[in-house]
Amino acid sequence: MSAKIKYTDEPLGDIKVVRDFLPPPEQLAFREEGVKVTLALSKKSVEFFKSEAAKHHTQYQRMIRHLVDAYVENYTPPLTTRSTRTARKRAAG
């Protein structure tokens, strides 16, 4: 048998509130609009993705799509809310 847990009124110490980082359900249900394209890939690349997709029980085209999306996320510059040139122009003018 397992030992019983004994609870005490100990101080909790340093507690941090963690920001809710999970998206709301409506964002999870949203499906991005897809665009059909014809793309010629090397046989080697397609065989690799098919093999990996089989190992992970998914579709190889989905893996390629996620790879391209990750590339775009990495190389898309962040959006700025305000142009610094415009702010300098207003200050000078």
N, C-alpha and C. Protein backbone atom coordinates (compact mmCIF):
# COMPACT_ATOMS: atom_id res chain seq x y z
N MET A 1 0.83 -1.20 0.00
CA MET A 1 0.00 0.00 0.00
C MET A 1 0.87 1.25 0.00
N SER A 2 0.34 2.31 -0.58
CA SER A 2 1.10 3.55 -0.60
C SER A 2 0.84 4.34 0.67
N ALA A 3 1.82 5.14 1.04
CA ALA A 3 1.69 5.95 2.25
C ALA A 3 0.70 7.08 2.01
N LYS A 4 -0.01 7.46 3.07
CA LYS A 4 -0.97 8.58 2.96
C LYS A 4 -0.21 9.89 2.89
N ILE A 5 -0.76 10.82 2.17
CA ILE A 5 -0.16 12.14 2.05
C ILE A 5 -0.63 12.99 3.20
N LYS A 6 0.31 13.64 3.86
CA LYS A 6 -0.03 14.52 4.98
C LYS A 6 0.13 15.96 4.51
N TYR A 7 -0.95 16.73 4.51
CA TYR A 7 -0.95 18.11 4.07
C TYR A 7 -0.69 19.04 5.25
N THR A 8 0.07 20.10 5.03
CA THR A 8 0.36 21.08 6.07
C THR A 8 0.07 22.47 5.54
N ASP A 9 0.03 23.43 6.42
CA ASP A 9 -0.20 24.83 6.05
C ASP A 9 1.14 25.56 5.94
N GLU A 10 1.97 25.13 5.04
CA GLU A 10 3.28 25.74 4.82
C GLU A 10 3.12 26.99 3.95
N PRO A 11 3.98 27.98 4.14
CA PRO A 11 3.96 29.14 3.22
C PRO A 11 4.39 28.68 1.83
N LEU A 12 3.80 29.28 0.81
CA LEU A 12 4.05 28.85 -0.55
C LEU A 12 5.33 29.44 -1.14
N GLY A 13 5.88 30.46 -0.54
CA GLY A 13 7.14 31.01 -1.05
C GLY A 13 6.92 31.90 -2.25
N ASP A 14 7.89 31.90 -3.15
CA ASP A 14 7.82 32.74 -4.35
C ASP A 14 6.86 32.12 -5.36
N ILE A 15 5.75 32.78 -5.58
CA ILE A 15 4.77 32.32 -6.56
C ILE A 15 4.74 33.31 -7.70
N LYS A 16 4.79 32.80 -8.92
CA LYS A 16 4.71 33.65 -10.10
C LYS A 16 3.43 33.31 -10.85
N VAL A 17 2.75 34.34 -11.32
CA VAL A 17 1.57 34.14 -12.15
C VAL A 17 2.06 33.99 -13.58
N VAL A 18 1.67 32.91 -14.22
CA VAL A 18 2.09 32.64 -15.59
C VAL A 18 1.01 33.18 -16.52
N ARG A 19 1.44 34.00 -17.49
CA ARG A 19 0.53 34.56 -18.47
C ARG A 19 -0.12 33.43 -19.26
N ASP A 20 -1.39 33.56 -19.55
CA ASP A 20 -2.10 32.56 -20.34
C ASP A 20 -1.60 32.65 -21.78
N PHE A 21 -0.84 31.66 -22.20
CA PHE A 21 -0.23 31.68 -23.53
C PHE A 21 -0.97 30.80 -24.53
N LEU A 22 -1.99 30.10 -24.07
CA LEU A 22 -2.72 29.22 -24.97
C LEU A 22 -3.73 30.02 -25.79
N PRO A 23 -3.87 29.70 -27.06
CA PRO A 23 -4.85 30.42 -27.88
C PRO A 23 -6.27 30.01 -27.51
N PRO A 24 -7.24 30.91 -27.70
CA PRO A 24 -8.64 30.54 -27.42
C PRO A 24 -9.13 29.50 -28.41
N PRO A 25 -10.17 28.75 -28.05
CA PRO A 25 -10.66 27.67 -28.91
C PRO A 25 -11.02 28.12 -30.32
N GLU A 26 -11.54 29.34 -30.48
CA GLU A 26 -11.91 29.79 -31.83
C GLU A 26 -10.69 29.93 -32.74
N GLN A 27 -9.53 30.20 -32.16
CA GLN A 27 -8.32 30.27 -32.98
C GLN A 27 -7.82 28.87 -33.35
N LEU A 28 -8.08 27.91 -32.50
CA LEU A 28 -7.67 26.54 -32.79
C LEU A 28 -8.53 25.93 -33.89
N ALA A 29 -9.79 26.34 -33.95
CA ALA A 29 -10.70 25.79 -34.95
C ALA A 29 -10.51 26.43 -36.32
N PHE A 30 -9.85 27.59 -36.35
CA PHE A 30 -9.65 28.31 -37.60
C PHE A 30 -8.69 27.55 -38.50
N ARG A 31 -9.05 27.44 -39.73
CA ARG A 31 -8.18 26.79 -40.71
C ARG A 31 -7.73 27.82 -41.72
N GLU A 32 -6.42 27.91 -41.89
CA GLU A 32 -5.88 28.88 -42.84
C GLU A 32 -6.31 28.52 -44.25
N GLU A 33 -6.52 29.56 -45.03
CA GLU A 33 -6.90 29.35 -46.43
C GLU A 33 -5.71 28.77 -47.17
N GLY A 34 -5.93 27.72 -47.90
CA GLY A 34 -4.87 27.09 -48.66
C GLY A 34 -4.92 27.52 -50.12
N VAL A 35 -3.79 27.48 -50.74
CA VAL A 35 -3.68 27.79 -52.16
C VAL A 35 -3.01 26.59 -52.83
N LYS A 36 -3.66 26.04 -53.81
CA LYS A 36 -3.11 24.89 -54.53
C LYS A 36 -2.01 25.37 -55.47
N VAL A 37 -0.87 24.70 -55.40
CA VAL A 37 0.23 25.01 -56.31
C VAL A 37 0.78 23.71 -56.88
N THR A 38 1.41 23.82 -58.01
CA THR A 38 2.12 22.69 -58.58
C THR A 38 3.59 22.97 -58.36
N LEU A 39 4.26 22.01 -57.75
CA LEU A 39 5.66 22.20 -57.38
C LEU A 39 6.43 20.94 -57.72
N ALA A 40 7.48 21.08 -58.46
CA ALA A 40 8.32 19.93 -58.79
C ALA A 40 9.46 19.85 -57.77
N LEU A 41 9.51 18.76 -57.02
CA LEU A 41 10.56 18.54 -56.03
C LEU A 41 11.43 17.39 -56.50
N SER A 42 12.62 17.31 -55.95
CA SER A 42 13.50 16.19 -56.31
C SER A 42 12.92 14.90 -55.73
N LYS A 43 13.20 13.82 -56.41
CA LYS A 43 12.71 12.51 -55.97
C LYS A 43 13.24 12.21 -54.57
N LYS A 44 14.49 12.56 -54.33
CA LYS A 44 15.13 12.35 -53.03
C LYS A 44 14.35 13.05 -51.91
N SER A 45 13.93 14.30 -52.15
CA SER A 45 13.19 15.06 -51.14
C SER A 45 11.83 14.44 -50.86
N VAL A 46 11.12 14.06 -51.90
CA VAL A 46 9.79 13.46 -51.73
C VAL A 46 9.90 12.14 -51.00
N GLU A 47 10.88 11.32 -51.36
CA GLU A 47 11.07 10.04 -50.67
C GLU A 47 11.38 10.25 -49.20
N PHE A 48 12.19 11.26 -48.89
CA PHE A 48 12.51 11.57 -47.50
C PHE A 48 11.24 11.93 -46.73
N PHE A 49 10.45 12.86 -47.26
CA PHE A 49 9.25 13.29 -46.55
C PHE A 49 8.22 12.16 -46.44
N LYS A 50 8.10 11.34 -47.45
CA LYS A 50 7.18 10.20 -47.38
C LYS A 50 7.62 9.23 -46.28
N SER A 51 8.91 8.98 -46.21
CA SER A 51 9.44 8.07 -45.19
C SER A 51 9.22 8.62 -43.79
N GLU A 52 9.53 9.90 -43.60
CA GLU A 52 9.35 10.53 -42.28
C GLU A 52 7.88 10.62 -41.91
N ALA A 53 7.04 10.91 -42.87
CA ALA A 53 5.60 11.00 -42.61
C ALA A 53 5.05 9.64 -42.17
N ALA A 54 5.52 8.57 -42.78
CA ALA A 54 5.07 7.24 -42.39
C ALA A 54 5.48 6.92 -40.96
N LYS A 55 6.70 7.32 -40.58
CA LYS A 55 7.18 7.10 -39.21
C LYS A 55 6.32 7.82 -38.19
N HIS A 56 5.84 9.01 -38.55
CA HIS A 56 5.10 9.86 -37.61
C HIS A 56 3.59 9.83 -37.84
N HIS A 57 3.16 8.93 -38.69
CA HIS A 57 1.72 8.74 -38.97
C HIS A 57 1.03 10.03 -39.38
N THR A 58 1.61 10.68 -40.36
CA THR A 58 1.03 11.91 -40.88
C THR A 58 1.19 11.92 -42.40
N GLN A 59 0.78 13.02 -43.02
CA GLN A 59 0.87 13.14 -44.47
C GLN A 59 2.14 13.89 -44.85
N TYR A 60 2.81 13.42 -45.90
CA TYR A 60 4.07 14.07 -46.28
C TYR A 60 3.84 15.49 -46.78
N GLN A 61 2.69 15.73 -47.44
CA GLN A 61 2.43 17.09 -47.93
C GLN A 61 2.22 18.05 -46.76
N ARG A 62 1.63 17.56 -45.70
CA ARG A 62 1.44 18.40 -44.51
C ARG A 62 2.79 18.76 -43.91
N MET A 63 3.71 17.81 -43.88
CA MET A 63 5.05 18.09 -43.35
C MET A 63 5.76 19.15 -44.18
N ILE A 64 5.66 19.04 -45.51
CA ILE A 64 6.28 20.03 -46.39
C ILE A 64 5.64 21.40 -46.18
N ARG A 65 4.31 21.44 -46.04
CA ARG A 65 3.61 22.70 -45.81
C ARG A 65 4.07 23.34 -44.50
N HIS A 66 4.22 22.54 -43.43
CA HIS A 66 4.69 23.08 -42.15
C HIS A 66 6.12 23.58 -42.26
N LEU A 67 6.94 22.89 -43.04
CA LEU A 67 8.32 23.34 -43.24
C LEU A 67 8.36 24.70 -43.93
N VAL A 68 7.57 24.85 -44.97
CA VAL A 68 7.52 26.14 -45.70
C VAL A 68 6.97 27.23 -44.79
N ASP A 69 5.92 26.93 -44.01
CA ASP A 69 5.36 27.92 -43.07
C ASP A 69 6.39 28.34 -42.03
N ALA A 70 7.18 27.38 -41.52
CA ALA A 70 8.21 27.70 -40.53
C ALA A 70 9.28 28.60 -41.14
N TYR A 71 9.63 28.35 -42.38
CA TYR A 71 10.61 29.18 -43.09
C TYR A 71 10.09 30.62 -43.20
N VAL A 72 8.82 30.75 -43.59
CA VAL A 72 8.22 32.08 -43.75
C VAL A 72 8.18 32.80 -42.40
N GLU A 73 7.78 32.09 -41.34
CA GLU A 73 7.74 32.70 -40.00
C GLU A 73 9.11 33.21 -39.59
N ASN A 74 10.15 32.44 -39.90
CA ASN A 74 11.50 32.80 -39.50
C ASN A 74 12.02 34.02 -40.26
N TYR A 75 11.66 34.14 -41.52
CA TYR A 75 12.23 35.20 -42.35
C TYR A 75 11.29 36.37 -42.62
N THR A 76 10.10 36.37 -42.03
CA THR A 76 9.20 37.51 -42.18
C THR A 76 9.57 38.56 -41.15
N PRO A 77 9.86 39.78 -41.57
CA PRO A 77 10.22 40.81 -40.59
C PRO A 77 9.01 41.16 -39.72
N PRO A 78 9.26 41.46 -38.46
CA PRO A 78 8.14 41.80 -37.57
C PRO A 78 7.46 43.10 -38.02
N LEU A 79 6.17 43.16 -37.81
CA LEU A 79 5.43 44.36 -38.16
C LEU A 79 5.68 45.43 -37.11
N THR A 80 5.90 46.65 -37.56
CA THR A 80 6.07 47.76 -36.62
C THR A 80 4.78 48.56 -36.60
N THR A 81 4.48 49.13 -35.45
CA THR A 81 3.24 49.89 -35.33
C THR A 81 3.39 51.29 -35.88
N ARG A 82 4.65 51.77 -35.94
CA ARG A 82 4.84 53.16 -36.35
C ARG A 82 6.20 53.30 -37.01
N SER A 83 6.26 54.02 -38.06
CA SER A 83 7.52 54.24 -38.75
C SER A 83 8.35 55.27 -38.01
N THR A 84 9.63 54.98 -37.74
CA THR A 84 10.48 55.94 -37.04
C THR A 84 10.79 57.14 -37.92
N ARG A 85 10.80 56.97 -39.22
CA ARG A 85 11.06 58.08 -40.13
C ARG A 85 9.94 59.11 -40.04
N THR A 86 8.71 58.62 -40.00
CA THR A 86 7.56 59.52 -39.90
C THR A 86 7.58 60.27 -38.57
N ALA A 87 7.96 59.58 -37.50
CA ALA A 87 8.01 60.23 -36.18
C ALA A 87 9.08 61.32 -36.16
N ARG A 88 10.24 61.04 -36.77
CA ARG A 88 11.30 62.05 -36.83
C ARG A 88 10.87 63.24 -37.68
N LYS A 89 10.18 62.96 -38.78
CA LYS A 89 9.73 64.01 -39.67
C LYS A 89 8.75 64.94 -38.94
N ARG A 90 7.83 64.33 -38.15
CA ARG A 90 6.85 65.13 -37.39
C ARG A 90 7.57 65.99 -36.35
N ALA A 91 8.58 65.42 -35.67
CA ALA A 91 9.30 66.14 -34.62
C ALA A 91 10.08 67.32 -35.22
N ALA A 92 10.63 67.13 -36.41
CA ALA A 92 11.42 68.18 -37.04
C ALA A 92 10.55 69.27 -37.66
N GLY A 93 9.34 68.89 -38.03
CA GLY A 93 8.58 69.77 -38.84
C GLY A 93 7.59 70.62 -38.26
